[in-house]
Amino acid sequence: MCLGIPMQVVEINGFNARCQAKGVERDINLFMLQHDMPVAGEYVMVHVGYALQKMTEQDAQTTWELLDEIANAQANEPF
């Protein structure tokens, strides 16, 4: 299973962006979005260091809520 993480673009330098999510910042490659480049403040879906698509803030928030629910459910399961 592949997992994409929503992140907010903080700064862009060419095809590289500094993005953040939940207090964590990462350098992300924007090459796959070269025909629809995001701007600072927008949200992108990130997988293995590459932004795959732009997304709305609401979609990013909903995704994080679902990911948090999954993490909490797994944390409460017995081994």
PDB file of N, CA and C in Angstrom:
ATOM      1  N   MET A   1       0.840  -1.173   0.000  1.00  0.00           N
ATOM      2  CA  MET A   1       0.000   0.000   0.000  1.00  0.00           C
ATOM      3  C   MET A   1       0.885   1.236   0.000  1.00  0.00           C
ATOM      4  N   CYS A   2       0.552   2.194  -0.813  1.00  0.00           N
ATOM      5  CA  CYS A   2       1.271   3.465  -0.865  1.00  0.00           C
ATOM      6  C   CYS A   2       0.494   4.485  -0.045  1.00  0.00           C
ATOM      7  N   LEU A   3       1.220   5.408   0.557  1.00  0.00           N
ATOM      8  CA  LEU A   3       0.581   6.401   1.400  1.00  0.00           C
ATOM      9  C   LEU A   3       1.060   7.783   1.002  1.00  0.00           C
ATOM     10  N   GLY A   4       0.131   8.642   0.652  1.00  0.00           N
ATOM     11  CA  GLY A   4       0.446  10.035   0.355  1.00  0.00           C
ATOM     12  C   GLY A   4       0.117  10.886   1.565  1.00  0.00           C
ATOM     13  N   ILE A   5       0.935  11.872   1.822  1.00  0.00           N
ATOM     14  CA  ILE A   5       0.776  12.752   2.978  1.00  0.00           C
ATOM     15  C   ILE A   5       0.485  14.172   2.495  1.00  0.00           C
ATOM     16  N   PRO A   6      -0.576  14.784   2.979  1.00  0.00           N
ATOM     17  CA  PRO A   6      -0.835  16.179   2.611  1.00  0.00           C
ATOM     18  C   PRO A   6       0.141  17.107   3.320  1.00  0.00           C
ATOM     19  N   MET A   7       0.692  18.042   2.562  1.00  0.00           N
ATOM     20  CA  MET A   7       1.622  19.008   3.134  1.00  0.00           C
ATOM     21  C   MET A   7       1.327  20.389   2.551  1.00  0.00           C
ATOM     22  N   GLN A   8       1.626  21.420   3.329  1.00  0.00           N
ATOM     23  CA  GLN A   8       1.445  22.789   2.865  1.00  0.00           C
ATOM     24  C   GLN A   8       2.778  23.329   2.355  1.00  0.00           C
ATOM     25  N   VAL A   9       2.731  23.945   1.198  1.00  0.00           N
ATOM     26  CA  VAL A   9       3.929  24.538   0.608  1.00  0.00           C
ATOM     27  C   VAL A   9       4.272  25.815   1.369  1.00  0.00           C
ATOM     28  N   VAL A  10       5.507  25.892   1.842  1.00  0.00           N
ATOM     29  CA  VAL A  10       5.977  27.056   2.592  1.00  0.00           C
ATOM     30  C   VAL A  10       6.789  27.983   1.689  1.00  0.00           C
ATOM     31  N   GLU A  11       7.650  27.388   0.872  1.00  0.00           N
ATOM     32  CA  GLU A  11       8.573  28.167   0.042  1.00  0.00           C
ATOM     33  C   GLU A  11       8.900  27.361  -1.208  1.00  0.00           C
ATOM     34  N   ILE A  12       9.052  28.035  -2.340  1.00  0.00           N
ATOM     35  CA  ILE A  12       9.373  27.359  -3.597  1.00  0.00           C
ATOM     36  C   ILE A  12      10.657  27.947  -4.168  1.00  0.00           C
ATOM     37  N   ASN A  13      11.507  27.048  -4.667  1.00  0.00           N
ATOM     38  CA  ASN A  13      12.739  27.430  -5.333  1.00  0.00           C
ATOM     39  C   ASN A  13      12.885  26.527  -6.559  1.00  0.00           C
ATOM     40  N   GLY A  14      12.430  26.995  -7.703  1.00  0.00           N
ATOM     41  CA  GLY A  14      12.453  26.171  -8.919  1.00  0.00           C
ATOM     42  C   GLY A  14      11.489  25.012  -8.785  1.00  0.00           C
ATOM     43  N   PHE A  15      12.005  23.783  -8.965  1.00  0.00           N
ATOM     44  CA  PHE A  15      11.174  22.587  -8.818  1.00  0.00           C
ATOM     45  C   PHE A  15      11.278  21.983  -7.421  1.00  0.00           C
ATOM     46  N   ASN A  16      11.820  22.721  -6.485  1.00  0.00           N
ATOM     47  CA  ASN A  16      11.923  22.256  -5.105  1.00  0.00           C
ATOM     48  C   ASN A  16      11.083  23.148  -4.213  1.00  0.00           C
ATOM     49  N   ALA A  17      10.485  22.537  -3.201  1.00  0.00           N
ATOM     50  CA  ALA A  17       9.666  23.299  -2.262  1.00  0.00           C
ATOM     51  C   ALA A  17       9.958  22.842  -0.847  1.00  0.00           C
ATOM     52  N   ARG A  18       9.856  23.765   0.058  1.00  0.00           N
ATOM     53  CA  ARG A  18       9.891  23.446   1.478  1.00  0.00           C
ATOM     54  C   ARG A  18       8.427  23.333   1.887  1.00  0.00           C
ATOM     55  N   CYS A  19       8.053  22.169   2.411  1.00  0.00           N
ATOM     56  CA  CYS A  19       6.668  21.917   2.796  1.00  0.00           C
ATOM     57  C   CYS A  19       6.611  21.507   4.259  1.00  0.00           C
ATOM     58  N   GLN A  20       5.446  21.720   4.875  1.00  0.00           N
ATOM     59  CA  GLN A  20       5.303  21.356   6.278  1.00  0.00           C
ATOM     60  C   GLN A  20       3.957  20.688   6.511  1.00  0.00           C
ATOM     61  N   ALA A  21       3.958  19.821   7.517  1.00  0.00           N
ATOM     62  CA  ALA A  21       2.744  19.161   7.978  1.00  0.00           C
ATOM     63  C   ALA A  21       2.949  18.750   9.422  1.00  0.00           C
ATOM     64  N   LYS A  22       2.042  19.154  10.272  1.00  0.00           N
ATOM     65  CA  LYS A  22       2.075  18.780  11.692  1.00  0.00           C
ATOM     66  C   LYS A  22       3.409  19.115  12.349  1.00  0.00           C
ATOM     67  N   GLY A  23       3.973  20.268  11.989  1.00  0.00           N
ATOM     68  CA  GLY A  23       5.211  20.721  12.602  1.00  0.00           C
ATOM     69  C   GLY A  23       6.482  20.142  12.013  1.00  0.00           C
ATOM     70  N   VAL A  24       6.356  19.290  11.006  1.00  0.00           N
ATOM     71  CA  VAL A  24       7.521  18.683  10.362  1.00  0.00           C
ATOM     72  C   VAL A  24       7.706  19.330   8.994  1.00  0.00           C
ATOM     73  N   GLU A  25       8.929  19.734   8.684  1.00  0.00           N
ATOM     74  CA  GLU A  25       9.223  20.327   7.374  1.00  0.00           C
ATOM     75  C   GLU A  25      10.092  19.382   6.554  1.00  0.00           C
ATOM     76  N   ARG A  26       9.834  19.350   5.258  1.00  0.00           N
ATOM     77  CA  ARG A  26      10.592  18.507   4.330  1.00  0.00           C
ATOM     78  C   ARG A  26      10.803  19.270   3.030  1.00  0.00           C
ATOM     79  N   ASP A  27      11.892  18.918   2.334  1.00  0.00           N
ATOM     80  CA  ASP A  27      12.124  19.419   0.983  1.00  0.00           C
ATOM     81  C   ASP A  27      11.448  18.451   0.025  1.00  0.00           C
ATOM     82  N   ILE A  28      10.608  18.983  -0.849  1.00  0.00           N
ATOM     83  CA  ILE A  28       9.784  18.187  -1.754  1.00  0.00           C
ATOM     84  C   ILE A  28      10.067  18.592  -3.194  1.00  0.00           C
ATOM     85  N   ASN A  29      10.091  17.609  -4.084  1.00  0.00           N
ATOM     86  CA  ASN A  29      10.295  17.857  -5.504  1.00  0.00           C
ATOM     87  C   ASN A  29       8.947  18.127  -6.169  1.00  0.00           C
ATOM     88  N   LEU A  30       8.877  19.199  -6.945  1.00  0.00           N
ATOM     89  CA  LEU A  30       7.638  19.604  -7.620  1.00  0.00           C
ATOM     90  C   LEU A  30       7.618  19.253  -9.101  1.00  0.00           C
ATOM     91  N   PHE A  31       8.600  18.514  -9.582  1.00  0.00           N
ATOM     92  CA  PHE A  31       8.726  18.268 -11.018  1.00  0.00           C
ATOM     93  C   PHE A  31       7.463  17.671 -11.622  1.00  0.00           C
ATOM     94  N   MET A  32       6.784  16.791 -10.893  1.00  0.00           N
ATOM     95  CA  MET A  32       5.585  16.150 -11.443  1.00  0.00           C
ATOM     96  C   MET A  32       4.415  17.119 -11.567  1.00  0.00           C
ATOM     97  N   LEU A  33       4.537  18.306 -10.978  1.00  0.00           N
ATOM     98  CA  LEU A  33       3.492  19.324 -11.076  1.00  0.00           C
ATOM     99  C   LEU A  33       3.927  20.507 -11.935  1.00  0.00           C
ATOM    100  N   GLN A  34       4.915  20.291 -12.790  1.00  0.00           N
ATOM    101  CA  GLN A  34       5.477  21.407 -13.548  1.00  0.00           C
ATOM    102  C   GLN A  34       4.461  22.126 -14.424  1.00  0.00           C
ATOM    103  N   HIS A  35       3.348  21.464 -14.785  1.00  0.00           N
ATOM    104  CA  HIS A  35       2.340  22.112 -15.624  1.00  0.00           C
ATOM    105  C   HIS A  35       1.210  22.712 -14.796  1.00  0.00           C
ATOM    106  N   ASP A  36       1.264  22.522 -13.488  1.00  0.00           N
ATOM    107  CA  ASP A  36       0.267  23.080 -12.577  1.00  0.00           C
ATOM    108  C   ASP A  36       0.949  23.376 -11.246  1.00  0.00           C
ATOM    109  N   MET A  37       1.964  24.224 -11.284  1.00  0.00           N
ATOM    110  CA  MET A  37       2.793  24.494 -10.112  1.00  0.00           C
ATOM    111  C   MET A  37       1.983  25.121  -8.979  1.00  0.00           C
ATOM    112  N   PRO A  38       2.190  24.624  -7.777  1.00  0.00           N
ATOM    113  CA  PRO A  38       1.553  25.252  -6.624  1.00  0.00           C
ATOM    114  C   PRO A  38       2.287  26.536  -6.250  1.00  0.00           C
ATOM    115  N   VAL A  39       1.663  27.315  -5.414  1.00  0.00           N
ATOM    116  CA  VAL A  39       2.290  28.514  -4.856  1.00  0.00           C
ATOM    117  C   VAL A  39       2.335  28.347  -3.341  1.00  0.00           C
ATOM    118  N   ALA A  40       3.161  29.152  -2.692  1.00  0.00           N
ATOM    119  CA  ALA A  40       3.265  29.089  -1.238  1.00  0.00           C
ATOM    120  C   ALA A  40       1.886  29.256  -0.614  1.00  0.00           C
ATOM    121  N   GLY A  41       1.592  28.399   0.354  1.00  0.00           N
ATOM    122  CA  GLY A  41       0.296  28.426   1.026  1.00  0.00           C
ATOM    123  C   GLY A  41      -0.650  27.344   0.549  1.00  0.00           C
ATOM    124  N   GLU A  42      -0.434  26.825  -0.666  1.00  0.00           N
ATOM    125  CA  GLU A  42      -1.293  25.760  -1.177  1.00  0.00           C
ATOM    126  C   GLU A  42      -0.860  24.412  -0.602  1.00  0.00           C
ATOM    127  N   TYR A  43      -1.706  23.420  -0.783  1.00  0.00           N
ATOM    128  CA  TYR A  43      -1.458  22.079  -0.270  1.00  0.00           C
ATOM    129  C   TYR A  43      -1.194  21.115  -1.413  1.00  0.00           C
ATOM    130  N   VAL A  44      -0.309  20.153  -1.148  1.00  0.00           N
ATOM    131  CA  VAL A  44       0.008  19.117  -2.132  1.00  0.00           C
ATOM    132  C   VAL A  44       0.006  17.759  -1.447  1.00  0.00           C
ATOM    133  N   MET A  45      -0.277  16.720  -2.224  1.00  0.00           N
ATOM    134  CA  MET A  45      -0.177  15.345  -1.744  1.00  0.00           C
ATOM    135  C   MET A  45       1.232  14.868  -2.051  1.00  0.00           C
ATOM    136  N   VAL A  46       1.959  14.394  -1.034  1.00  0.00           N
ATOM    137  CA  VAL A  46       3.366  14.036  -1.165  1.00  0.00           C
ATOM    138  C   VAL A  46       3.554  12.537  -0.947  1.00  0.00           C
ATOM    139  N   HIS A  47       4.326  11.933  -1.827  1.00  0.00           N
ATOM    140  CA  HIS A  47       4.697  10.519  -1.691  1.00  0.00           C
ATOM    141  C   HIS A  47       6.173  10.384  -2.045  1.00  0.00           C
ATOM    142  N   VAL A  48       6.932   9.797  -1.149  1.00  0.00           N
ATOM    143  CA  VAL A  48       8.389   9.583  -1.274  1.00  0.00           C
ATOM    144  C   VAL A  48       9.131  10.808  -1.815  1.00  0.00           C
ATOM    145  N   GLY A  49       8.779  11.980  -1.273  1.00  0.00           N
ATOM    146  CA  GLY A  49       9.512  13.185  -1.610  1.00  0.00           C
ATOM    147  C   GLY A  49       9.049  13.917  -2.850  1.00  0.00           C
ATOM    148  N   TYR A  50       7.995  13.441  -3.490  1.00  0.00           N
ATOM    149  CA  TYR A  50       7.474  14.086  -4.700  1.00  0.00           C
ATOM    150  C   TYR A  50       6.039  14.541  -4.473  1.00  0.00           C
ATOM    151  N   ALA A  51       5.728  15.758  -4.879  1.00  0.00           N
ATOM    152  CA  ALA A  51       4.353  16.235  -4.857  1.00  0.00           C
ATOM    153  C   ALA A  51       3.630  15.623  -6.049  1.00  0.00           C
ATOM    154  N   LEU A  52       2.531  14.923  -5.780  1.00  0.00           N
ATOM    155  CA  LEU A  52       1.801  14.225  -6.841  1.00  0.00           C
ATOM    156  C   LEU A  52       0.641  15.038  -7.391  1.00  0.00           C
ATOM    157  N   GLN A  53       0.008  15.834  -6.533  1.00  0.00           N
ATOM    158  CA  GLN A  53      -1.126  16.639  -6.983  1.00  0.00           C
ATOM    159  C   GLN A  53      -1.374  17.748  -5.990  1.00  0.00           C
ATOM    160  N   LYS A  54      -2.007  18.817  -6.470  1.00  0.00           N
ATOM    161  CA  LYS A  54      -2.438  19.879  -5.583  1.00  0.00           C
ATOM    162  C   LYS A  54      -3.756  19.439  -4.950  1.00  0.00           C
ATOM    163  N   MET A  55      -4.039  19.977  -3.778  1.00  0.00           N
ATOM    164  CA  MET A  55      -5.295  19.652  -3.108  1.00  0.00           C
ATOM    165  C   MET A  55      -5.772  20.869  -2.323  1.00  0.00           C
ATOM    166  N   THR A  56      -7.045  20.863  -1.977  1.00  0.00           N
ATOM    167  CA  THR A  56      -7.586  21.983  -1.205  1.00  0.00           C
ATOM    168  C   THR A  56      -7.201  21.825   0.267  1.00  0.00           C
ATOM    169  N   GLU A  57      -7.280  22.923   0.992  1.00  0.00           N
ATOM    170  CA  GLU A  57      -7.003  22.874   2.424  1.00  0.00           C
ATOM    171  C   GLU A  57      -7.991  21.934   3.115  1.00  0.00           C
ATOM    172  N   GLN A  58      -9.248  21.959   2.692  1.00  0.00           N
ATOM    173  CA  GLN A  58     -10.262  21.080   3.291  1.00  0.00           C
ATOM    174  C   GLN A  58      -9.927  19.613   3.044  1.00  0.00           C
ATOM    175  N   ASP A  59      -9.515  19.270   1.825  1.00  0.00           N
ATOM    176  CA  ASP A  59      -9.129  17.882   1.531  1.00  0.00           C
ATOM    177  C   ASP A  59      -7.919  17.458   2.365  1.00  0.00           C
ATOM    178  N   ALA A  60      -6.968  18.370   2.538  1.00  0.00           N
ATOM    179  CA  ALA A  60      -5.793  18.068   3.352  1.00  0.00           C
ATOM    180  C   ALA A  60      -6.205  17.820   4.804  1.00  0.00           C
ATOM    181  N   GLN A  61      -7.082  18.664   5.350  1.00  0.00           N
ATOM    182  CA  GLN A  61      -7.545  18.512   6.726  1.00  0.00           C
ATOM    183  C   GLN A  61      -8.312  17.206   6.905  1.00  0.00           C
ATOM    184  N   THR A  62      -9.183  16.887   5.972  1.00  0.00           N
ATOM    185  CA  THR A  62      -9.949  15.645   6.048  1.00  0.00           C
ATOM    186  C   THR A  62      -9.022  14.436   6.005  1.00  0.00           C
ATOM    187  N   THR A  63      -8.024  14.483   5.148  1.00  0.00           N
ATOM    188  CA  THR A  63      -7.058  13.380   5.053  1.00  0.00           C
ATOM    189  C   THR A  63      -6.315  13.201   6.364  1.00  0.00           C
ATOM    190  N   TRP A  64      -5.865  14.314   6.973  1.00  0.00           N
ATOM    191  CA  TRP A  64      -5.161  14.219   8.255  1.00  0.00           C
ATOM    192  C   TRP A  64      -6.058  13.667   9.353  1.00  0.00           C
ATOM    193  N   GLU A  65      -7.326  14.028   9.348  1.00  0.00           N
ATOM    194  CA  GLU A  65      -8.255  13.487  10.344  1.00  0.00           C
ATOM    195  C   GLU A  65      -8.378  11.971  10.194  1.00  0.00           C
ATOM    196  N   LEU A  66      -8.479  11.510   8.957  1.00  0.00           N
ATOM    197  CA  LEU A  66      -8.559  10.067   8.709  1.00  0.00           C
ATOM    198  C   LEU A  66      -7.268   9.350   9.097  1.00  0.00           C
ATOM    199  N   LEU A  67      -6.129   9.929   8.757  1.00  0.00           N
ATOM    200  CA  LEU A  67      -4.849   9.317   9.128  1.00  0.00           C
ATOM    201  C   LEU A  67      -4.689   9.253  10.647  1.00  0.00           C
ATOM    202  N   ASP A  68      -5.139  10.299  11.347  1.00  0.00           N
ATOM    203  CA  ASP A  68      -5.080  10.296  12.813  1.00  0.00           C
ATOM    204  C   ASP A  68      -5.977   9.206  13.392  1.00  0.00           C
ATOM    205  N   GLU A  69      -7.171   9.017  12.819  1.00  0.00           N
ATOM    206  CA  GLU A  69      -8.072   7.952  13.276  1.00  0.00           C
ATOM    207  C   GLU A  69      -7.438   6.576  13.098  1.00  0.00           C
ATOM    208  N   ILE A  70      -6.807   6.362  11.970  1.00  0.00           N
ATOM    209  CA  ILE A  70      -6.133   5.073  11.714  1.00  0.00           C
ATOM    210  C   ILE A  70      -5.021   4.851  12.716  1.00  0.00           C
ATOM    211  N   ALA A  71      -4.202   5.870  12.946  1.00  0.00           N
ATOM    212  CA  ALA A  71      -3.085   5.750  13.890  1.00  0.00           C
ATOM    213  C   ALA A  71      -3.592   5.459  15.298  1.00  0.00           C
ATOM    214  N   ASN A  72      -4.652   6.142  15.716  1.00  0.00           N
ATOM    215  CA  ASN A  72      -5.212   5.923  17.044  1.00  0.00           C
ATOM    216  C   ASN A  72      -5.795   4.520  17.171  1.00  0.00           C
ATOM    217  N   ALA A  73      -6.462   4.039  16.144  1.00  0.00           N
ATOM    218  CA  ALA A  73      -7.037   2.692  16.180  1.00  0.00           C
ATOM    219  C   ALA A  73      -5.924   1.635  16.280  1.00  0.00           C
ATOM    220  N   GLN A  74      -4.854   1.836  15.530  1.00  0.00           N
ATOM    221  CA  GLN A  74      -3.748   0.888  15.567  1.00  0.00           C
ATOM    222  C   GLN A  74      -3.032   0.927  16.917  1.00  0.00           C
ATOM    223  N   ALA A  75      -2.931   2.098  17.524  1.00  0.00           N
ATOM    224  CA  ALA A  75      -2.246   2.225  18.803  1.00  0.00           C
ATOM    225  C   ALA A  75      -3.022   1.501  19.911  1.00  0.00           C
ATOM    226  N   ASN A  76      -4.332   1.380  19.756  1.00  0.00           N
ATOM    227  CA  ASN A  76      -5.166   0.745  20.771  1.00  0.00           C
ATOM    228  C   ASN A  76      -5.363  -0.742  20.547  1.00  0.00           C
ATOM    229  N   GLU A  77      -4.842  -1.288  19.458  1.00  0.00           N
ATOM    230  CA  GLU A  77      -4.985  -2.716  19.193  1.00  0.00           C
ATOM    231  C   GLU A  77      -3.934  -3.509  19.966  1.00  0.00           C
ATOM    232  N   PRO A  78      -4.344  -4.648  20.520  1.00  0.00           N
ATOM    233  CA  PRO A  78      -3.345  -5.508  21.186  1.00  0.00           C
ATOM    234  C   PRO A  78      -2.464  -6.175  20.148  1.00  0.00           C
ATOM    235  N   PHE A  79      -1.238  -6.462  20.536  1.00  0.00           N
ATOM    236  CA  PHE A  79      -0.296  -7.085  19.609  1.00  0.00           C
ATOM    237  C   PHE A  79      -0.551  -8.532  19.458  1.00  0.00           C
TER     238      PHE A  79
END
